[in-house]
Amino acid sequence: MQIFIPFKKTDYQTGGYEAITVDTAIGFTVAKIMPTSGQFINMACQEVFCTLETDNIRFTIDGTVPSSTVGHLLKVGESLTISNADDIKNFKCIKVTTNASLKISYKF
């Protein structure tokens, strides 16, 4: 299943990738969503594409801190696309039971 949070439809170029371990509440890496060097220097990330491995997580996009029972549930094997710079900045996720691996592509 894919969860898609749309804002506007346009073509973006992938400008970064990372894998994060989800344990306590964590958001996207600031230097990834607003690079300070390279091709996309000082540009705000416009879209992220994420896939989840190893365990379920819960996430929020409004700045609320998620918990194992608060937030949207994303299950292992599902993907998440967020296409709004504010939602990307406000994204937070947390493990449900055990650490999870979230793979992220950043688009500009």
N, C-alpha and C. Protein backbone atom coordinates (compact mmCIF):
# COMPACT_ATOMS: atom_id res chain seq x y z
N MET A 1 0.84 -1.17 0.00
CA MET A 1 0.00 0.00 0.00
C MET A 1 0.89 1.24 0.00
N GLN A 2 0.47 2.26 -0.73
CA GLN A 2 1.19 3.52 -0.75
C GLN A 2 0.30 4.59 -0.17
N ILE A 3 0.85 5.41 0.72
CA ILE A 3 0.15 6.55 1.27
C ILE A 3 0.73 7.78 0.60
N PHE A 4 -0.13 8.64 0.05
CA PHE A 4 0.32 9.81 -0.69
C PHE A 4 -0.33 11.04 -0.09
N ILE A 5 0.48 12.02 0.32
CA ILE A 5 -0.02 13.28 0.87
C ILE A 5 0.29 14.35 -0.16
N PRO A 6 -0.68 14.68 -1.05
CA PRO A 6 -0.40 15.60 -2.15
C PRO A 6 -0.51 17.06 -1.76
N PHE A 7 0.19 17.89 -2.46
CA PHE A 7 0.03 19.33 -2.37
C PHE A 7 -0.11 19.89 -3.77
N LYS A 8 0.89 19.71 -4.59
CA LYS A 8 0.83 20.13 -5.98
C LYS A 8 1.59 19.11 -6.81
N LYS A 9 1.23 19.00 -8.05
CA LYS A 9 1.86 18.01 -8.92
C LYS A 9 2.84 18.72 -9.84
N THR A 10 4.08 18.30 -9.77
CA THR A 10 5.11 18.84 -10.64
C THR A 10 6.24 17.83 -10.71
N ASP A 11 7.16 18.03 -11.60
CA ASP A 11 8.31 17.13 -11.72
C ASP A 11 9.43 17.62 -10.83
N TYR A 12 9.93 16.72 -9.99
CA TYR A 12 11.03 17.04 -9.09
C TYR A 12 12.22 16.18 -9.44
N GLN A 13 13.40 16.65 -9.09
CA GLN A 13 14.64 15.91 -9.31
C GLN A 13 15.14 15.40 -7.96
N THR A 14 15.47 14.11 -7.89
CA THR A 14 15.98 13.55 -6.65
C THR A 14 17.35 14.15 -6.35
N GLY A 15 17.49 14.66 -5.12
CA GLY A 15 18.73 15.32 -4.75
C GLY A 15 19.39 14.78 -3.51
N GLY A 16 18.83 13.71 -2.95
CA GLY A 16 19.44 13.15 -1.75
C GLY A 16 18.74 11.88 -1.33
N TYR A 17 19.45 11.10 -0.53
CA TYR A 17 18.94 9.83 -0.02
C TYR A 17 19.55 9.60 1.35
N GLU A 18 18.78 8.97 2.22
CA GLU A 18 19.33 8.49 3.49
C GLU A 18 18.45 7.39 4.04
N ALA A 19 19.02 6.64 4.95
CA ALA A 19 18.29 5.64 5.72
C ALA A 19 18.40 6.05 7.18
N ILE A 20 17.26 6.13 7.85
CA ILE A 20 17.30 6.48 9.27
C ILE A 20 16.73 5.33 10.09
N THR A 21 17.27 5.18 11.28
CA THR A 21 16.74 4.21 12.22
C THR A 21 15.72 4.94 13.08
N VAL A 22 14.51 4.42 13.10
CA VAL A 22 13.42 5.04 13.86
C VAL A 22 13.31 4.35 15.21
N ASP A 23 13.56 5.12 16.24
CA ASP A 23 13.45 4.64 17.62
C ASP A 23 12.56 5.64 18.35
N THR A 24 13.16 6.65 18.96
CA THR A 24 12.39 7.74 19.56
C THR A 24 11.93 8.68 18.45
N ALA A 25 11.07 9.63 18.77
CA ALA A 25 10.52 10.54 17.77
C ALA A 25 11.64 11.24 17.01
N ILE A 26 11.57 11.19 15.69
CA ILE A 26 12.61 11.75 14.82
C ILE A 26 11.96 12.32 13.57
N GLY A 27 12.57 13.35 13.01
CA GLY A 27 12.11 13.92 11.75
C GLY A 27 13.16 13.70 10.67
N PHE A 28 12.92 14.29 9.52
CA PHE A 28 13.90 14.22 8.44
C PHE A 28 15.13 15.06 8.82
N THR A 29 16.29 14.69 8.32
CA THR A 29 17.52 15.41 8.60
C THR A 29 17.47 16.80 7.97
N VAL A 30 17.69 17.83 8.79
CA VAL A 30 17.59 19.22 8.33
C VAL A 30 18.48 19.48 7.13
N ALA A 31 19.71 18.99 7.14
CA ALA A 31 20.63 19.22 6.03
C ALA A 31 20.18 18.53 4.74
N LYS A 32 19.27 17.56 4.86
CA LYS A 32 18.73 16.89 3.67
C LYS A 32 17.54 17.66 3.10
N ILE A 33 16.74 18.28 3.96
CA ILE A 33 15.57 19.01 3.46
C ILE A 33 15.89 20.46 3.09
N MET A 34 17.05 20.95 3.55
CA MET A 34 17.53 22.29 3.18
C MET A 34 19.05 22.23 3.08
N PRO A 35 19.57 21.72 1.96
CA PRO A 35 21.02 21.52 1.82
C PRO A 35 21.80 22.83 1.92
N THR A 36 22.99 22.73 2.51
CA THR A 36 23.88 23.90 2.64
C THR A 36 25.05 23.82 1.68
N SER A 37 25.04 22.79 0.82
CA SER A 37 26.07 22.67 -0.21
C SER A 37 25.53 21.81 -1.34
N GLY A 38 26.26 21.80 -2.44
CA GLY A 38 25.88 20.96 -3.58
C GLY A 38 24.89 21.62 -4.53
N GLN A 39 24.36 20.84 -5.42
CA GLN A 39 23.49 21.31 -6.49
C GLN A 39 22.22 22.00 -5.99
N PHE A 40 21.71 21.58 -4.85
CA PHE A 40 20.43 22.11 -4.36
C PHE A 40 20.61 23.01 -3.14
N ILE A 41 21.78 23.68 -3.06
CA ILE A 41 22.09 24.54 -1.93
C ILE A 41 20.98 25.56 -1.68
N ASN A 42 20.57 25.66 -0.42
CA ASN A 42 19.55 26.61 0.05
C ASN A 42 18.17 26.43 -0.60
N MET A 43 17.93 25.29 -1.21
CA MET A 43 16.60 25.00 -1.76
C MET A 43 15.85 24.10 -0.78
N ALA A 44 14.57 24.38 -0.59
CA ALA A 44 13.75 23.55 0.30
C ALA A 44 13.26 22.31 -0.45
N CYS A 45 13.38 21.19 0.19
CA CYS A 45 12.88 19.93 -0.38
C CYS A 45 11.38 20.06 -0.62
N GLN A 46 10.92 19.64 -1.79
CA GLN A 46 9.52 19.77 -2.17
C GLN A 46 8.75 18.45 -2.09
N GLU A 47 9.47 17.33 -2.06
CA GLU A 47 8.81 16.03 -1.99
C GLU A 47 9.76 15.01 -1.40
N VAL A 48 9.22 14.11 -0.59
CA VAL A 48 10.00 12.97 -0.11
C VAL A 48 9.25 11.70 -0.47
N PHE A 49 10.02 10.66 -0.77
CA PHE A 49 9.47 9.33 -1.00
C PHE A 49 10.16 8.41 -0.01
N CYS A 50 9.35 7.72 0.80
CA CYS A 50 9.89 6.87 1.86
C CYS A 50 9.36 5.45 1.73
N THR A 51 10.20 4.49 2.07
CA THR A 51 9.76 3.10 2.21
C THR A 51 10.16 2.64 3.61
N LEU A 52 9.33 1.79 4.18
CA LEU A 52 9.54 1.34 5.55
C LEU A 52 9.92 -0.13 5.59
N GLU A 53 10.98 -0.42 6.33
CA GLU A 53 11.45 -1.79 6.50
C GLU A 53 11.57 -2.13 7.98
N THR A 54 11.47 -3.34 8.30
CA THR A 54 11.75 -4.00 9.60
C THR A 54 10.66 -3.89 10.66
N ASP A 55 9.92 -2.80 10.79
CA ASP A 55 8.82 -2.72 11.76
C ASP A 55 7.93 -1.52 11.44
N ASN A 56 6.74 -1.51 12.02
CA ASN A 56 5.78 -0.42 11.80
C ASN A 56 6.22 0.84 12.54
N ILE A 57 5.76 1.99 12.02
CA ILE A 57 5.98 3.28 12.69
C ILE A 57 4.67 4.05 12.73
N ARG A 58 4.64 5.08 13.53
CA ARG A 58 3.56 6.07 13.50
C ARG A 58 4.20 7.41 13.15
N PHE A 59 3.45 8.24 12.39
CA PHE A 59 4.01 9.53 11.98
C PHE A 59 2.96 10.62 12.04
N THR A 60 3.43 11.85 12.17
CA THR A 60 2.58 13.04 12.09
C THR A 60 3.25 14.04 11.14
N ILE A 61 2.45 14.95 10.59
CA ILE A 61 2.98 15.98 9.69
C ILE A 61 2.57 17.39 10.13
N ASP A 62 2.01 17.49 11.33
CA ASP A 62 1.56 18.80 11.82
C ASP A 62 2.38 19.32 12.99
N GLY A 63 3.49 18.66 13.28
CA GLY A 63 4.34 19.08 14.39
C GLY A 63 4.04 18.36 15.69
N THR A 64 2.92 17.64 15.77
CA THR A 64 2.60 16.84 16.95
C THR A 64 3.66 15.75 17.11
N VAL A 65 4.06 15.50 18.33
CA VAL A 65 5.02 14.42 18.59
C VAL A 65 4.25 13.10 18.63
N PRO A 66 4.59 12.17 17.75
CA PRO A 66 3.88 10.89 17.74
C PRO A 66 4.31 9.99 18.90
N SER A 67 3.50 8.98 19.15
CA SER A 67 3.85 7.95 20.13
C SER A 67 3.47 6.61 19.52
N SER A 68 3.63 5.56 20.26
CA SER A 68 3.29 4.23 19.73
C SER A 68 1.80 4.08 19.48
N THR A 69 0.99 5.03 19.98
CA THR A 69 -0.46 5.00 19.75
C THR A 69 -1.00 6.27 19.10
N VAL A 70 -0.17 7.29 18.95
CA VAL A 70 -0.61 8.58 18.38
C VAL A 70 0.08 8.79 17.04
N GLY A 71 -0.72 9.13 16.03
CA GLY A 71 -0.18 9.39 14.70
C GLY A 71 -0.70 8.37 13.70
N HIS A 72 -0.40 8.62 12.44
CA HIS A 72 -0.81 7.71 11.36
C HIS A 72 0.09 6.48 11.38
N LEU A 73 -0.51 5.32 11.17
CA LEU A 73 0.25 4.07 11.16
C LEU A 73 0.78 3.79 9.76
N LEU A 74 2.09 3.55 9.64
CA LEU A 74 2.71 3.11 8.40
C LEU A 74 3.29 1.73 8.67
N LYS A 75 2.85 0.76 7.86
CA LYS A 75 3.24 -0.63 8.09
C LYS A 75 4.44 -1.02 7.24
N VAL A 76 5.17 -2.02 7.72
CA VAL A 76 6.32 -2.55 7.00
C VAL A 76 5.93 -2.86 5.56
N GLY A 77 6.77 -2.41 4.62
CA GLY A 77 6.52 -2.66 3.21
C GLY A 77 5.72 -1.57 2.52
N GLU A 78 5.14 -0.66 3.29
CA GLU A 78 4.38 0.44 2.69
C GLU A 78 5.31 1.60 2.36
N SER A 79 4.82 2.46 1.47
CA SER A 79 5.58 3.66 1.12
C SER A 79 4.77 4.90 1.45
N LEU A 80 5.46 6.01 1.57
CA LEU A 80 4.86 7.29 1.92
C LEU A 80 5.47 8.36 1.05
N THR A 81 4.63 9.16 0.40
CA THR A 81 5.08 10.31 -0.37
C THR A 81 4.47 11.56 0.24
N ILE A 82 5.29 12.55 0.53
CA ILE A 82 4.81 13.84 1.05
C ILE A 82 5.27 14.91 0.08
N SER A 83 4.32 15.71 -0.43
CA SER A 83 4.63 16.73 -1.44
C SER A 83 4.24 18.12 -0.96
N ASN A 84 4.76 18.51 0.19
CA ASN A 84 4.52 19.83 0.74
C ASN A 84 5.68 20.17 1.66
N ALA A 85 6.36 21.28 1.40
CA ALA A 85 7.55 21.63 2.17
C ALA A 85 7.27 21.78 3.66
N ASP A 86 6.12 22.35 4.04
CA ASP A 86 5.80 22.49 5.46
C ASP A 86 5.55 21.14 6.12
N ASP A 87 4.83 20.26 5.43
CA ASP A 87 4.58 18.92 5.97
C ASP A 87 5.89 18.14 6.12
N ILE A 88 6.80 18.32 5.16
CA ILE A 88 8.11 17.67 5.24
C ILE A 88 8.87 18.18 6.46
N LYS A 89 8.87 19.48 6.66
CA LYS A 89 9.56 20.09 7.80
C LYS A 89 8.96 19.62 9.13
N ASN A 90 7.64 19.45 9.17
CA ASN A 90 6.95 19.09 10.41
C ASN A 90 6.86 17.58 10.66
N PHE A 91 7.30 16.76 9.70
CA PHE A 91 7.22 15.31 9.82
C PHE A 91 7.99 14.81 11.03
N LYS A 92 7.35 13.93 11.78
CA LYS A 92 7.99 13.23 12.89
C LYS A 92 7.46 11.80 12.87
N CYS A 93 8.34 10.84 13.22
CA CYS A 93 7.90 9.45 13.30
C CYS A 93 8.53 8.77 14.51
N ILE A 94 7.94 7.65 14.90
CA ILE A 94 8.42 6.90 16.06
C ILE A 94 8.13 5.43 15.83
N LYS A 95 8.93 4.56 16.44
CA LYS A 95 8.69 3.12 16.32
C LYS A 95 7.40 2.77 17.05
N VAL A 96 6.77 1.66 16.62
CA VAL A 96 5.60 1.16 17.32
C VAL A 96 6.04 0.16 18.39
N THR A 97 6.89 -0.80 18.01
CA THR A 97 7.37 -1.78 18.99
C THR A 97 8.90 -1.87 19.02
N THR A 98 9.51 -2.12 17.86
CA THR A 98 10.98 -2.21 17.80
C THR A 98 11.49 -1.23 16.75
N ASN A 99 12.80 -0.98 16.76
CA ASN A 99 13.40 -0.04 15.80
C ASN A 99 13.03 -0.41 14.38
N ALA A 100 12.82 0.61 13.57
CA ALA A 100 12.46 0.42 12.16
C ALA A 100 13.46 1.16 11.29
N SER A 101 13.56 0.74 10.03
CA SER A 101 14.44 1.38 9.08
C SER A 101 13.60 2.10 8.03
N LEU A 102 13.77 3.41 7.92
CA LEU A 102 13.04 4.22 6.96
C LEU A 102 14.02 4.70 5.89
N LYS A 103 13.76 4.35 4.64
CA LYS A 103 14.58 4.76 3.49
C LYS A 103 13.91 5.96 2.84
N ILE A 104 14.69 7.02 2.59
CA ILE A 104 14.11 8.30 2.15
C ILE A 104 14.85 8.85 0.95
N SER A 105 14.09 9.25 -0.07
CA SER A 105 14.63 10.01 -1.20
C SER A 105 14.07 11.41 -1.13
N TYR A 106 14.95 12.40 -1.24
CA TYR A 106 14.58 13.80 -1.18
C TYR A 106 14.56 14.40 -2.58
N LYS A 107 13.48 15.13 -2.90
CA LYS A 107 13.33 15.68 -4.24
C LYS A 107 13.18 17.20 -4.19
N PHE A 108 13.81 17.85 -5.19
CA PHE A 108 13.82 19.31 -5.26
C PHE A 108 13.29 19.79 -6.59
